[in-house]
Amino acid sequence: MTSSLKQPTGDATAGPDVSAVVTDVIADIRANGDDAVRKYSAKFDNWSPSSFRLSAAEIDEIIAKVPAGVLDDIKTVQANVRGFAQAQRDSMHDVEVETQPGVFLGQKHLPIVASGAYVPGGRYPLTASAHMTVVTAKVAGVERVTACTPPLRGEIPPATIAALHLAGADEILVLGGVQAVAAMALGTESIGRVDLIAGPGNAYVAEAKRQLFGTVGIDLFAGPTEILIVADEDADPFVVAVDLLSQAEHGPDSPAVLITTSAALGQRVIEHIEAILPGMPTNDMAGPAWRDHGEVHVVGTLDEAYGLADSYASEHVQILTRNPREALDKMRHYGALFLGEGTCVSYGDKVIGTNHVLPTRGAARYTGGLWVGKYLRTVTYQEVTSQAASAELGELCGRAARVELFEGHARSGDVRAAKYGGAPLPWSPLASI
């Protein structure tokens, strides 16, 4: 049985017609290339430099402004991301098997040639997104990574540029919004098109990726950041409250959900949140998120908690219980698990090394997050070196194809069967050469 101490209270309100705006911008950039990109950069970001692409000298000058301690931290975090991505890559092996004498089937993992990394700016310049989208692509073996990040209040964001450069971006453009995504996806006179675009962004960036999917690959369809915590009576209610608010500050539409076996803990968490919020610097975001999208559910058992959590298929699931690793066996639907009080979602967001680009809005039911494999195409090859095997396959192909009324396919098999000592052609060629 489930009871709720807190449920969402806000009403859904219609926002601007994001889809229509994005459609118009993409169409203009498709038709007019650089001129349209420059027009929308000036319109939306008040940014129209002589070149959006930073030169090597400009990058060096910008990085020189970043404090040494910040650079050291960036390098440390990127080493964590690179190490885990490399472990993922090392787990993926090419395969070749001989399924019968003289019949070889193989699989290879080939990196895409060019990827785009979008790193948001605005209110939250997500430096960590540079690590997740560029380092991971480079570990996969992507030849060219084009990175875009918008200006920050009319200025180039030094720490973000440093992160992109240290991550290995091949070209860095100070360009944001729909115009950046469309330029990378479509290509312009000065911006080469890419094969896949990864990275978070606002509603317009997310919609641009959605509309351009197919023209270009994307990491995933992203929605507001989500956190769900499963806690028992042993959890520290203050820690739970702080961790819920850590993700609520992403935006006013970010769900923050607690599922607990202890009504007393749930009530204490609510009290802590209400005490913390007034003095929280990001209360303008976290406050509405908690008010409108915060939930606290009380369940009878941990098994019920895991089942309810699975129904959310949340982006981030934090387990604050006596035996947190139990969730590895009990749960199936999540973007990423964070096990135990020593771990928090913010570690995954910023420093620990796993990728923070994760599925939202229930997409964890059918996909995982961004990882090194997203930048690889798993392709197959086949080779038949035995004439006897080819003759046997040819006869089988002829029979199988004719069941489906594909006579041309059948004849490709027939030719090999006849040539390599199998059944004679069941049809007569009109002419011989």
Protein backbone atom coordinates (compact mmCIF):
# COMPACT_ATOMS: atom_id res chain seq x y z
CA MET A 1 0.00 0.00 0.00
CA THR A 2 1.24 3.47 -0.84
CA SER A 3 0.40 6.76 0.81
CA SER A 4 1.58 10.21 -0.18
CA LEU A 5 2.83 12.86 2.19
CA LYS A 6 3.37 15.27 -0.70
CA GLN A 7 2.21 15.31 -4.30
CA PRO A 8 2.70 17.87 -7.10
CA THR A 9 0.50 20.93 -6.71
CA GLY A 10 1.32 23.10 -9.71
CA ASP A 11 -0.80 23.41 -12.81
CA ALA A 12 0.71 22.79 -16.21
CA THR A 13 0.95 26.01 -18.16
CA ALA A 14 1.41 26.38 -21.85
CA GLY A 15 4.74 27.88 -22.80
CA PRO A 16 5.74 29.59 -26.03
CA ASP A 17 5.40 27.71 -29.27
CA VAL A 18 8.89 26.31 -29.11
CA SER A 19 8.33 23.89 -31.95
CA ALA A 20 7.29 26.56 -34.45
CA VAL A 21 10.22 28.83 -33.60
CA VAL A 22 12.68 25.96 -33.98
CA THR A 23 11.15 24.86 -37.28
CA ASP A 24 11.53 28.36 -38.73
CA VAL A 25 15.14 28.74 -37.58
CA ILE A 26 16.15 25.36 -38.99
CA ALA A 27 14.50 26.09 -42.33
CA ASP A 28 16.27 29.43 -42.58
CA ILE A 29 19.69 27.93 -41.77
CA ARG A 30 19.09 25.10 -44.23
CA ALA A 31 18.43 27.66 -46.96
CA ASN A 32 20.81 30.45 -46.04
CA GLY A 33 23.67 28.88 -44.10
CA ASP A 34 26.12 31.21 -42.38
CA ASP A 35 24.00 34.32 -42.95
CA ALA A 36 21.10 32.79 -41.05
CA VAL A 37 23.36 31.46 -38.29
CA ARG A 38 24.81 34.92 -37.78
CA LYS A 39 21.33 36.51 -37.82
CA TYR A 40 19.98 34.27 -35.08
CA SER A 41 23.10 34.50 -32.96
CA ALA A 42 22.74 38.26 -33.00
CA LYS A 43 19.00 38.05 -32.31
CA PHE A 44 18.99 35.48 -29.51
CA ASP A 45 22.43 35.96 -27.90
CA ASN A 46 23.39 39.47 -29.03
CA TRP A 47 26.55 37.83 -30.33
CA SER A 48 28.00 38.48 -33.77
CA PRO A 49 31.82 38.14 -33.80
CA SER A 50 33.88 38.15 -36.96
CA SER A 51 34.22 34.39 -36.54
CA PHE A 52 32.39 32.00 -34.23
CA ARG A 53 35.34 29.60 -34.37
CA LEU A 54 38.12 30.30 -31.91
CA SER A 55 41.69 30.22 -33.21
CA ALA A 56 44.46 28.39 -31.39
CA ALA A 57 45.87 31.74 -30.25
CA GLU A 58 42.48 32.87 -28.93
CA ILE A 59 42.05 29.60 -27.04
CA ASP A 60 45.46 29.96 -25.42
CA GLU A 61 44.67 33.54 -24.43
CA ILE A 62 41.32 32.53 -22.93
CA ILE A 63 42.72 29.58 -21.00
CA ALA A 64 45.40 31.85 -19.52
CA LYS A 65 42.60 33.66 -17.67
CA VAL A 66 41.46 30.50 -15.89
CA PRO A 67 42.88 30.01 -12.38
CA ALA A 68 45.39 27.20 -12.09
CA GLY A 69 43.29 25.45 -9.47
CA VAL A 70 40.29 25.37 -11.80
CA LEU A 71 42.42 23.92 -14.59
CA ASP A 72 43.75 21.26 -12.23
CA ASP A 73 40.22 20.29 -11.21
CA ILE A 74 39.12 20.11 -14.85
CA LYS A 75 42.03 17.81 -15.64
CA THR A 76 41.24 15.59 -12.64
CA VAL A 77 37.58 15.23 -13.56
CA GLN A 78 38.42 14.57 -17.20
CA ALA A 79 40.86 11.87 -16.13
CA ASN A 80 37.98 10.22 -14.22
CA VAL A 81 35.66 10.42 -17.23
CA ARG A 82 38.38 9.25 -19.61
CA GLY A 83 39.29 6.30 -17.41
CA PHE A 84 35.74 4.98 -17.18
CA ALA A 85 35.06 5.59 -20.88
CA GLN A 86 38.24 3.70 -21.76
CA ALA A 87 37.13 0.79 -19.57
CA GLN A 88 33.83 0.76 -21.44
CA ARG A 89 35.63 0.81 -24.79
CA ASP A 90 37.94 -2.00 -23.71
CA SER A 91 34.89 -4.13 -22.89
CA MET A 92 33.73 -3.99 -26.51
CA HIS A 93 35.46 -6.58 -28.65
CA ASP A 94 35.42 -7.26 -32.36
CA VAL A 95 34.10 -10.74 -33.09
CA GLU A 96 34.64 -13.26 -35.87
CA VAL A 97 33.16 -16.76 -35.82
CA GLU A 98 33.23 -19.65 -38.29
CA THR A 99 29.60 -20.77 -38.13
CA GLN A 100 30.26 -23.76 -40.38
CA PRO A 101 33.33 -24.80 -42.34
CA GLY A 102 34.27 -21.95 -44.68
CA VAL A 103 31.53 -19.51 -43.47
CA PHE A 104 32.83 -16.55 -41.48
CA LEU A 105 30.67 -13.94 -39.75
CA GLY A 106 32.18 -10.91 -38.07
CA GLN A 107 31.39 -7.79 -36.10
CA LYS A 108 33.41 -4.58 -35.79
CA HIS A 109 32.93 -1.40 -33.77
CA LEU A 110 33.70 1.61 -35.97
CA PRO A 111 33.72 5.17 -34.58
CA ILE A 112 31.67 7.81 -36.30
CA VAL A 113 33.76 10.30 -38.24
CA ALA A 114 32.48 13.58 -36.78
CA SER A 115 30.46 14.49 -33.71
CA GLY A 116 29.07 17.71 -32.30
CA ALA A 117 29.21 18.58 -28.61
CA TYR A 118 26.73 21.14 -27.29
CA VAL A 119 27.68 22.65 -23.93
CA PRO A 120 25.00 24.96 -22.49
CA GLY A 121 25.68 28.43 -21.16
CA GLY A 122 23.18 30.98 -19.90
CA ARG A 123 22.26 30.65 -16.25
CA TYR A 124 24.20 27.41 -15.86
CA PRO A 125 27.43 27.12 -17.90
CA LEU A 126 27.69 23.34 -17.65
CA THR A 127 31.43 22.88 -17.87
CA ALA A 128 30.99 19.20 -16.98
CA SER A 129 29.11 18.63 -20.23
CA ALA A 130 32.38 19.28 -22.06
CA HIS A 131 33.90 16.29 -20.31
CA MET A 132 30.93 14.04 -21.03
CA THR A 133 30.52 14.84 -24.72
CA VAL A 134 34.08 15.48 -25.89
CA VAL A 135 36.23 13.15 -23.78
CA THR A 136 33.86 10.23 -24.41
CA ALA A 137 33.82 10.86 -28.16
CA LYS A 138 37.59 11.01 -28.32
CA VAL A 139 38.00 7.78 -26.35
CA ALA A 140 35.67 6.17 -28.89
CA GLY A 141 37.98 7.32 -31.68
CA VAL A 142 35.92 10.10 -33.28
CA GLU A 143 38.17 11.93 -35.74
CA ARG A 144 36.58 15.39 -35.53
CA VAL A 145 34.70 16.81 -32.57
CA THR A 146 33.11 20.20 -33.10
CA ALA A 147 32.10 21.88 -29.84
CA CYS A 148 29.63 24.73 -29.48
CA THR A 149 28.93 26.77 -26.40
CA PRO A 150 27.04 30.09 -26.21
CA PRO A 151 28.45 33.33 -24.88
CA LEU A 152 27.78 33.97 -21.18
CA ARG A 153 26.17 37.38 -20.74
CA GLY A 154 27.96 38.61 -23.84
CA GLU A 155 31.34 37.18 -22.89
CA ILE A 156 33.28 34.07 -23.86
CA PRO A 157 33.14 31.62 -20.89
CA PRO A 158 36.82 30.87 -20.08
CA ALA A 159 36.34 27.75 -17.92
CA THR A 160 34.09 26.13 -20.51
CA ILE A 161 36.56 26.88 -23.31
CA ALA A 162 39.36 25.42 -21.20
CA ALA A 163 37.33 22.28 -20.53
CA LEU A 164 36.53 21.82 -24.22
CA HIS A 165 40.15 22.29 -25.25
CA LEU A 166 41.56 19.98 -22.59
CA ALA A 167 38.92 17.39 -23.46
CA GLY A 168 40.27 17.28 -27.02
CA ALA A 169 37.77 19.25 -29.09
CA ASP A 170 39.12 19.75 -32.60
CA GLU A 171 37.27 23.02 -33.11
CA ILE A 172 35.49 25.28 -30.62
CA LEU A 173 32.73 27.66 -31.65
CA VAL A 174 31.23 30.30 -29.40
CA LEU A 175 27.73 29.74 -30.70
CA GLY A 176 24.58 28.67 -28.93
CA GLY A 177 20.95 27.71 -29.22
CA VAL A 178 19.07 26.31 -32.19
CA GLN A 179 21.48 28.02 -34.55
CA ALA A 180 24.41 26.00 -33.16
CA VAL A 181 22.58 22.67 -33.33
CA ALA A 182 21.27 23.34 -36.84
CA ALA A 183 24.65 24.50 -38.13
CA MET A 184 26.35 21.34 -36.90
CA ALA A 185 23.59 19.06 -38.16
CA LEU A 186 23.17 20.64 -41.60
CA GLY A 187 26.58 22.16 -42.25
CA THR A 188 27.13 25.67 -43.58
CA GLU A 189 29.77 27.38 -45.68
CA SER A 190 32.09 27.61 -42.65
CA ILE A 191 30.84 24.89 -40.30
CA GLY A 192 31.26 21.25 -41.26
CA ARG A 193 28.31 18.93 -40.67
CA VAL A 194 28.61 16.21 -38.06
CA ASP A 195 27.14 12.73 -37.77
CA LEU A 196 25.90 12.90 -34.17
CA ILE A 197 25.13 15.69 -31.71
CA ALA A 198 25.30 15.15 -27.96
CA GLY A 199 24.81 17.36 -24.94
CA PRO A 200 22.04 18.96 -22.89
CA GLY A 201 20.34 22.28 -23.50
CA ASN A 202 17.20 24.29 -22.95
CA ALA A 203 13.80 23.50 -24.47
CA TYR A 204 14.77 25.06 -27.82
CA VAL A 205 17.99 23.05 -28.07
CA ALA A 206 16.14 19.85 -27.15
CA GLU A 207 13.47 20.55 -29.76
CA ALA A 208 16.10 21.30 -32.41
CA LYS A 209 17.73 17.96 -31.75
CA ARG A 210 14.34 16.25 -31.95
CA GLN A 211 13.48 17.87 -35.29
CA LEU A 212 16.91 17.19 -36.79
CA PHE A 213 17.06 13.56 -35.65
CA GLY A 214 17.41 11.47 -38.79
CA THR A 215 19.38 14.16 -40.56
CA VAL A 216 21.86 13.68 -37.73
CA GLY A 217 22.12 11.22 -34.88
CA ILE A 218 21.54 12.45 -31.34
CA ASP A 219 22.42 11.15 -27.90
CA LEU A 220 18.82 11.01 -26.63
CA PHE A 221 15.64 13.05 -26.27
CA ALA A 222 16.17 15.07 -23.11
CA GLY A 223 13.67 16.54 -20.68
CA PRO A 224 13.98 18.22 -17.27
CA THR A 225 16.47 16.74 -14.82
CA GLU A 226 14.93 14.16 -12.47
CA ILE A 227 15.89 12.71 -9.09
CA LEU A 228 14.23 9.87 -7.23
CA ILE A 229 15.44 8.68 -3.82
CA VAL A 230 14.56 5.36 -2.23
CA ALA A 231 15.13 5.57 1.54
CA ASP A 232 14.44 3.44 4.59
CA GLU A 233 14.29 4.39 8.27
CA ASP A 234 18.11 4.36 8.51
CA ALA A 235 18.52 7.25 6.06
CA ASP A 236 19.53 10.69 7.29
CA PRO A 237 16.56 12.98 6.51
CA PHE A 238 18.81 16.04 6.23
CA VAL A 239 21.00 14.31 3.62
CA VAL A 240 17.88 13.23 1.72
CA ALA A 241 16.52 16.79 1.72
CA VAL A 242 19.80 18.30 0.51
CA ASP A 243 20.14 15.71 -2.24
CA LEU A 244 16.58 16.25 -3.50
CA LEU A 245 17.17 19.99 -3.73
CA SER A 246 20.53 19.49 -5.44
CA GLN A 247 18.67 18.38 -8.56
CA ALA A 248 15.57 20.55 -8.13
CA GLU A 249 17.78 23.58 -8.72
CA HIS A 250 18.23 22.56 -12.36
CA GLY A 251 14.90 24.17 -13.20
CA PRO A 252 11.34 24.82 -12.05
CA ASP A 253 10.08 21.73 -13.88
CA SER A 254 12.59 19.25 -12.39
CA PRO A 255 10.83 16.39 -10.53
CA ALA A 256 12.19 15.49 -7.07
CA VAL A 257 10.66 12.31 -5.68
CA LEU A 258 11.18 10.45 -2.40
CA ILE A 259 9.91 6.92 -1.86
CA THR A 260 10.36 5.72 1.69
CA THR A 261 9.31 2.96 4.05
CA SER A 262 9.25 5.45 6.95
CA ALA A 263 6.50 8.05 7.30
CA ALA A 264 8.52 9.74 10.04
CA LEU A 265 11.53 10.12 7.75
CA GLY A 266 9.34 11.46 4.96
CA GLN A 267 7.87 14.11 7.26
CA ARG A 268 11.31 15.16 8.50
CA VAL A 269 12.57 15.46 4.91
CA ILE A 270 9.68 17.80 4.07
CA GLU A 271 10.44 19.91 7.15
CA HIS A 272 14.15 20.15 6.27
CA ILE A 273 13.38 21.17 2.69
CA GLU A 274 11.00 23.88 3.83
CA ALA A 275 13.67 25.19 6.19
CA ILE A 276 16.47 25.08 3.60
CA LEU A 277 14.68 26.58 0.61
CA PRO A 278 14.29 30.23 1.77
CA GLY A 279 18.06 30.68 2.07
CA MET A 280 19.04 28.64 -0.96
CA PRO A 281 20.70 30.82 -3.66
CA THR A 282 18.89 28.85 -6.36
CA ASN A 283 15.50 28.96 -4.63
CA ASP A 284 14.01 30.64 -7.71
CA MET A 285 14.46 27.30 -9.49
CA ALA A 286 14.43 24.74 -6.68
CA GLY A 287 11.43 26.29 -4.93
CA PRO A 288 8.95 25.98 -7.82
CA ALA A 289 10.36 22.55 -8.70
CA TRP A 290 9.67 21.26 -5.18
CA ARG A 291 6.30 22.99 -4.96
CA ASP A 292 5.03 21.80 -8.32
CA HIS A 293 6.95 18.56 -8.94
CA GLY A 294 8.06 17.35 -5.52
CA GLU A 295 6.60 14.10 -4.21
CA VAL A 296 6.98 12.01 -1.05
CA HIS A 297 5.48 8.51 -1.05
CA VAL A 298 5.35 6.13 1.90
CA VAL A 299 5.26 2.39 1.13
CA GLY A 300 5.10 -0.73 3.27
CA THR A 301 8.26 -2.53 2.16
CA LEU A 302 11.44 -1.92 0.21
CA ASP A 303 10.21 -4.28 -2.49
CA GLU A 304 7.22 -1.96 -2.93
CA ALA A 305 9.61 0.98 -3.00
CA TYR A 306 11.71 -0.60 -5.74
CA GLY A 307 8.58 -1.44 -7.75
CA LEU A 308 7.22 2.09 -7.48
CA ALA A 309 10.63 3.53 -8.36
CA ASP A 310 10.77 1.32 -11.46
CA SER A 311 7.42 2.71 -12.58
CA TYR A 312 8.98 6.19 -12.71
CA ALA A 313 12.02 5.04 -14.72
CA SER A 314 13.77 8.13 -13.39
CA GLU A 315 16.95 9.66 -14.71
CA HIS A 316 18.80 9.56 -11.37
CA VAL A 317 17.88 7.01 -8.69
CA GLN A 318 19.63 7.35 -5.35
CA ILE A 319 19.45 4.44 -2.87
CA LEU A 320 19.76 5.45 0.80
CA THR A 321 19.02 2.20 2.58
CA ARG A 322 20.72 -0.25 4.93
CA ASN A 323 21.77 -2.44 1.99
CA PRO A 324 21.94 -0.16 -1.08
CA ARG A 325 23.48 -2.74 -3.44
CA GLU A 326 20.25 -4.74 -3.19
CA ALA A 327 18.85 -2.29 -5.73
CA LEU A 328 21.21 -3.67 -8.37
CA ASP A 329 19.19 -6.90 -8.30
CA LYS A 330 15.78 -5.45 -7.53
CA MET A 331 15.56 -2.52 -9.97
CA ARG A 332 15.49 -2.44 -13.78
CA HIS A 333 14.39 1.03 -14.93
CA TYR A 334 16.72 3.95 -14.26
CA GLY A 335 19.24 6.15 -16.04
CA ALA A 336 21.86 5.74 -13.32
CA LEU A 337 21.94 4.33 -9.78
CA PHE A 338 23.71 6.05 -6.90
CA LEU A 339 24.27 3.60 -4.09
CA GLY A 340 24.59 4.58 -0.44
CA GLU A 341 25.06 7.77 1.55
CA GLY A 342 28.68 8.13 0.42
CA THR A 343 27.45 8.62 -3.13
CA CYS A 344 25.27 11.41 -4.50
CA VAL A 345 23.81 12.40 -7.85
CA SER A 346 25.97 15.51 -7.89
CA TYR A 347 29.07 13.30 -8.06
CA GLY A 348 27.71 11.78 -11.25
CA ASP A 349 26.81 15.20 -12.60
CA LYS A 350 30.19 16.75 -11.98
CA VAL A 351 33.17 14.61 -11.00
CA ILE A 352 33.02 10.85 -10.50
CA GLY A 353 33.54 9.72 -14.11
CA THR A 354 30.27 8.18 -15.28
CA ASN A 355 28.39 10.09 -17.96
CA HIS A 356 25.75 12.58 -16.85
CA VAL A 357 23.82 12.66 -20.14
CA LEU A 358 20.98 10.33 -19.13
CA PRO A 359 17.43 9.41 -20.21
CA THR A 360 14.48 11.34 -18.78
CA ARG A 361 10.67 11.20 -18.98
CA GLY A 362 10.56 7.43 -18.68
CA ALA A 363 12.99 6.79 -21.53
CA ALA A 364 15.07 4.66 -19.15
CA ARG A 365 12.63 1.87 -19.96
CA TYR A 366 14.21 1.49 -23.40
CA THR A 367 17.58 3.24 -23.41
CA GLY A 368 20.60 4.03 -21.30
CA GLY A 369 22.54 7.26 -21.26
CA LEU A 370 25.42 8.60 -23.31
CA TRP A 371 28.47 6.33 -23.28
CA VAL A 372 31.43 5.49 -25.45
CA GLY A 373 29.34 2.99 -27.43
CA LYS A 374 27.06 5.77 -28.65
CA TYR A 375 29.93 7.05 -30.77
CA LEU A 376 30.56 3.61 -32.28
CA ARG A 377 28.67 1.85 -35.07
CA THR A 378 28.52 -1.90 -34.64
CA VAL A 379 28.77 -3.28 -38.17
CA THR A 380 28.91 -6.82 -39.51
CA TYR A 381 30.70 -8.60 -42.35
CA GLN A 382 30.38 -12.01 -43.97
CA GLU A 383 32.71 -14.18 -46.05
CA VAL A 384 32.14 -17.63 -47.56
CA THR A 385 35.41 -19.26 -48.62
CA SER A 386 34.12 -22.82 -49.12
CA GLN A 387 32.48 -23.62 -52.45
CA ALA A 388 30.58 -26.50 -50.86
CA ALA A 389 29.22 -24.20 -48.16
CA SER A 390 28.25 -21.57 -50.74
CA ALA A 391 26.43 -24.20 -52.80
CA GLU A 392 24.51 -25.34 -49.74
CA LEU A 393 23.65 -21.79 -48.75
CA GLY A 394 22.64 -21.03 -52.34
CA GLU A 395 20.11 -23.85 -52.37
CA LEU A 396 18.74 -22.73 -49.00
CA CYS A 397 18.57 -19.11 -50.17
CA GLY A 398 16.65 -20.11 -53.28
CA ARG A 399 14.02 -21.95 -51.28
CA ALA A 400 13.73 -19.26 -48.58
CA ALA A 401 13.49 -16.37 -51.07
CA ARG A 402 10.80 -18.04 -53.18
CA VAL A 403 8.60 -18.47 -50.10
CA GLU A 404 8.67 -14.67 -49.96
CA LEU A 405 8.23 -14.34 -53.77
CA PHE A 406 11.65 -12.69 -54.15
CA GLU A 407 12.77 -14.34 -57.39
CA GLY A 408 15.81 -12.11 -57.85
CA HIS A 409 17.14 -13.02 -54.42
CA ALA A 410 16.51 -16.69 -55.17
CA ARG A 411 18.49 -16.51 -58.39
CA SER A 412 21.55 -15.05 -56.60
CA GLY A 413 21.56 -18.21 -54.53
CA ASP A 414 20.77 -20.43 -57.53
CA VAL A 415 23.81 -19.16 -59.47
CA ARG A 416 26.20 -20.08 -56.67
CA ALA A 417 24.56 -23.43 -56.06
CA ALA A 418 24.94 -24.34 -59.72
CA LYS A 419 28.46 -22.92 -60.08
CA TYR A 420 29.81 -24.65 -56.99
CA GLY A 421 28.41 -28.12 -57.61
CA GLY A 422 24.95 -27.93 -56.13
CA ALA A 423 21.58 -28.14 -57.84
CA PRO A 424 21.40 -27.00 -61.49
CA LEU A 425 19.72 -23.71 -62.34
CA PRO A 426 15.94 -24.10 -62.06
CA TRP A 427 15.53 -21.41 -64.73
CA SER A 428 17.13 -20.73 -68.13
CA PRO A 429 19.08 -17.55 -68.85
CA LEU A 430 17.82 -15.70 -71.92
CA ALA A 431 21.32 -15.42 -73.30
CA SER A 432 24.82 -16.52 -72.48
CA ILE A 433 27.95 -14.43 -72.84
